[in-house]
Amino acid sequence: MSISEDRVSHLAHRIQDRLWKDDLADFPDERRSLQCIKEAISSFFAVTGEVDAAVRRKLASYSQSKVPGSREYEILYQKFYQEEMARRKW
């Protein structure tokens, strides 16, 4: 899944503001903390995109193809997605 830099920046600012307002973190270097949050968000979306692609390839390789959107497909998708995320330790 791709997400625009503007959206990542918006989310990072919202997260940083919330952490500060709830007194969960103090940021001695706001610019650096914002960059770390942006990197974490980008990394998360990159991994979820890779996992999604891997799961879809796995489902497509089944001899009896599953119809996307069907209940069976969704159940298998969720199962494989969780397994792949656990394998990657996310």
C-alpha atoms as a PDB file:
ATOM      1  CA  MET A   1       0.000   0.000   0.000  1.00  0.00           C
ATOM      2  CA  SER A   2       1.373   3.389  -0.869  1.00  0.00           C
ATOM      3  CA  ILE A   3       0.649   6.488   1.122  1.00  0.00           C
ATOM      4  CA  SER A   4       1.607  10.017   0.145  1.00  0.00           C
ATOM      5  CA  GLU A   5       4.332  11.946   1.930  1.00  0.00           C
ATOM      6  CA  ASP A   6       1.749  14.578   2.861  1.00  0.00           C
ATOM      7  CA  ARG A   7      -0.428  11.969   4.545  1.00  0.00           C
ATOM      8  CA  VAL A   8       2.555  10.477   6.399  1.00  0.00           C
ATOM      9  CA  SER A   9       3.517  13.962   7.570  1.00  0.00           C
ATOM     10  CA  HIS A  10      -0.035  14.688   8.711  1.00  0.00           C
ATOM     11  CA  LEU A  11      -0.232  11.419  10.657  1.00  0.00           C
ATOM     12  CA  ALA A  12       3.196  12.002  12.213  1.00  0.00           C
ATOM     13  CA  HIS A  13       2.206  15.461  13.400  1.00  0.00           C
ATOM     14  CA  ARG A  14      -1.047  14.135  14.868  1.00  0.00           C
ATOM     15  CA  ILE A  15       0.790  11.340  16.703  1.00  0.00           C
ATOM     16  CA  GLN A  16       3.440  13.711  18.032  1.00  0.00           C
ATOM     17  CA  ASP A  17       0.820  16.228  19.186  1.00  0.00           C
ATOM     18  CA  ARG A  18      -1.193  13.530  20.923  1.00  0.00           C
ATOM     19  CA  LEU A  19       1.831  12.088  22.696  1.00  0.00           C
ATOM     20  CA  TRP A  20       2.753  15.548  23.922  1.00  0.00           C
ATOM     21  CA  LYS A  21      -0.795  16.555  24.960  1.00  0.00           C
ATOM     22  CA  ASP A  22      -1.345  13.307  26.868  1.00  0.00           C
ATOM     23  CA  ASP A  23       2.027  13.867  28.563  1.00  0.00           C
ATOM     24  CA  LEU A  24       3.299  10.513  27.347  1.00  0.00           C
ATOM     25  CA  ALA A  25       6.524  11.891  25.891  1.00  0.00           C
ATOM     26  CA  ASP A  26       8.692  14.980  25.889  1.00  0.00           C
ATOM     27  CA  PHE A  27      10.586  15.790  22.746  1.00  0.00           C
ATOM     28  CA  PRO A  28      13.907  17.562  23.273  1.00  0.00           C
ATOM     29  CA  ASP A  29      14.396  17.609  19.495  1.00  0.00           C
ATOM     30  CA  GLU A  30      10.986  17.878  17.840  1.00  0.00           C
ATOM     31  CA  ARG A  31      12.370  17.688  14.306  1.00  0.00           C
ATOM     32  CA  ARG A  32      14.192  14.415  15.047  1.00  0.00           C
ATOM     33  CA  SER A  33      11.208  12.877  16.830  1.00  0.00           C
ATOM     34  CA  LEU A  34       8.960  13.811  13.929  1.00  0.00           C
ATOM     35  CA  GLN A  35      11.394  12.181  11.493  1.00  0.00           C
ATOM     36  CA  CYS A  36      11.431   8.979  13.595  1.00  0.00           C
ATOM     37  CA  ILE A  37       7.636   8.869  13.639  1.00  0.00           C
ATOM     38  CA  LYS A  38       7.524   9.384   9.852  1.00  0.00           C
ATOM     39  CA  GLU A  39      10.017   6.563   9.322  1.00  0.00           C
ATOM     40  CA  ALA A  40       7.970   4.239  11.544  1.00  0.00           C
ATOM     41  CA  ILE A  41       4.764   5.024   9.643  1.00  0.00           C
ATOM     42  CA  SER A  42       6.446   4.550   6.254  1.00  0.00           C
ATOM     43  CA  SER A  43       8.014   1.295   7.410  1.00  0.00           C
ATOM     44  CA  PHE A  44       4.673   0.004   8.658  1.00  0.00           C
ATOM     45  CA  PHE A  45       2.934   0.710   5.354  1.00  0.00           C
ATOM     46  CA  ALA A  46       5.808  -0.800   3.381  1.00  0.00           C
ATOM     47  CA  VAL A  47       5.645  -4.025   5.399  1.00  0.00           C
ATOM     48  CA  THR A  48       1.863  -4.284   5.194  1.00  0.00           C
ATOM     49  CA  GLY A  49       2.078  -3.811   1.417  1.00  0.00           C
ATOM     50  CA  GLU A  50       4.666  -6.579   1.124  1.00  0.00           C
ATOM     51  CA  VAL A  51       2.621  -8.891   3.343  1.00  0.00           C
ATOM     52  CA  ASP A  52      -0.543  -8.179   1.354  1.00  0.00           C
ATOM     53  CA  ALA A  53       1.230  -9.004  -1.916  1.00  0.00           C
ATOM     54  CA  ALA A  54       2.690 -12.224  -0.461  1.00  0.00           C
ATOM     55  CA  VAL A  55      -0.696 -13.355   0.835  1.00  0.00           C
ATOM     56  CA  ARG A  56      -2.405 -12.626  -2.491  1.00  0.00           C
ATOM     57  CA  ARG A  57       0.289 -14.597  -4.344  1.00  0.00           C
ATOM     58  CA  LYS A  58      -0.182 -17.505  -1.954  1.00  0.00           C
ATOM     59  CA  LEU A  59      -3.952 -17.480  -2.454  1.00  0.00           C
ATOM     60  CA  ALA A  60      -3.537 -17.258  -6.235  1.00  0.00           C
ATOM     61  CA  SER A  61      -1.277 -20.312  -6.215  1.00  0.00           C
ATOM     62  CA  TYR A  62      -3.975 -22.597  -4.800  1.00  0.00           C
ATOM     63  CA  SER A  63      -5.085 -25.294  -7.237  1.00  0.00           C
ATOM     64  CA  GLN A  64      -8.718 -24.510  -6.448  1.00  0.00           C
ATOM     65  CA  SER A  65      -8.746 -20.772  -6.871  1.00  0.00           C
ATOM     66  CA  LYS A  66     -10.670 -18.802  -4.311  1.00  0.00           C
ATOM     67  CA  VAL A  67     -12.891 -15.974  -5.454  1.00  0.00           C
ATOM     68  CA  PRO A  68     -11.738 -12.643  -3.982  1.00  0.00           C
ATOM     69  CA  GLY A  69     -14.459 -11.297  -1.730  1.00  0.00           C
ATOM     70  CA  SER A  70     -15.910 -14.691  -0.907  1.00  0.00           C
ATOM     71  CA  ARG A  71     -16.127 -15.761   2.723  1.00  0.00           C
ATOM     72  CA  GLU A  72     -13.581 -18.548   2.220  1.00  0.00           C
ATOM     73  CA  TYR A  73     -11.143 -16.138   0.548  1.00  0.00           C
ATOM     74  CA  GLU A  74     -11.486 -13.599   3.355  1.00  0.00           C
ATOM     75  CA  ILE A  75     -10.971 -16.229   6.058  1.00  0.00           C
ATOM     76  CA  LEU A  76      -7.857 -17.595   4.350  1.00  0.00           C
ATOM     77  CA  TYR A  77      -6.585 -14.078   3.647  1.00  0.00           C
ATOM     78  CA  GLN A  78      -6.849 -13.092   7.324  1.00  0.00           C
ATOM     79  CA  LYS A  79      -5.232 -16.346   8.438  1.00  0.00           C
ATOM     80  CA  PHE A  80      -2.296 -16.032   6.027  1.00  0.00           C
ATOM     81  CA  TYR A  81      -1.935 -12.306   6.724  1.00  0.00           C
ATOM     82  CA  GLN A  82      -1.636 -12.901  10.470  1.00  0.00           C
ATOM     83  CA  GLU A  83       0.811 -15.748   9.905  1.00  0.00           C
ATOM     84  CA  GLU A  84       2.984 -13.611   7.629  1.00  0.00           C
ATOM     85  CA  MET A  85       2.942 -10.672  10.062  1.00  0.00           C
ATOM     86  CA  ALA A  86       3.922 -13.026  12.912  1.00  0.00           C
ATOM     87  CA  ARG A  87       6.708 -14.474  10.764  1.00  0.00           C
ATOM     88  CA  ARG A  88       8.021 -10.953  10.185  1.00  0.00           C
ATOM     89  CA  LYS A  89       7.528 -10.192  13.914  1.00  0.00           C
ATOM     90  CA  TRP A  90       5.086  -7.326  13.421  1.00  0.00           C
END
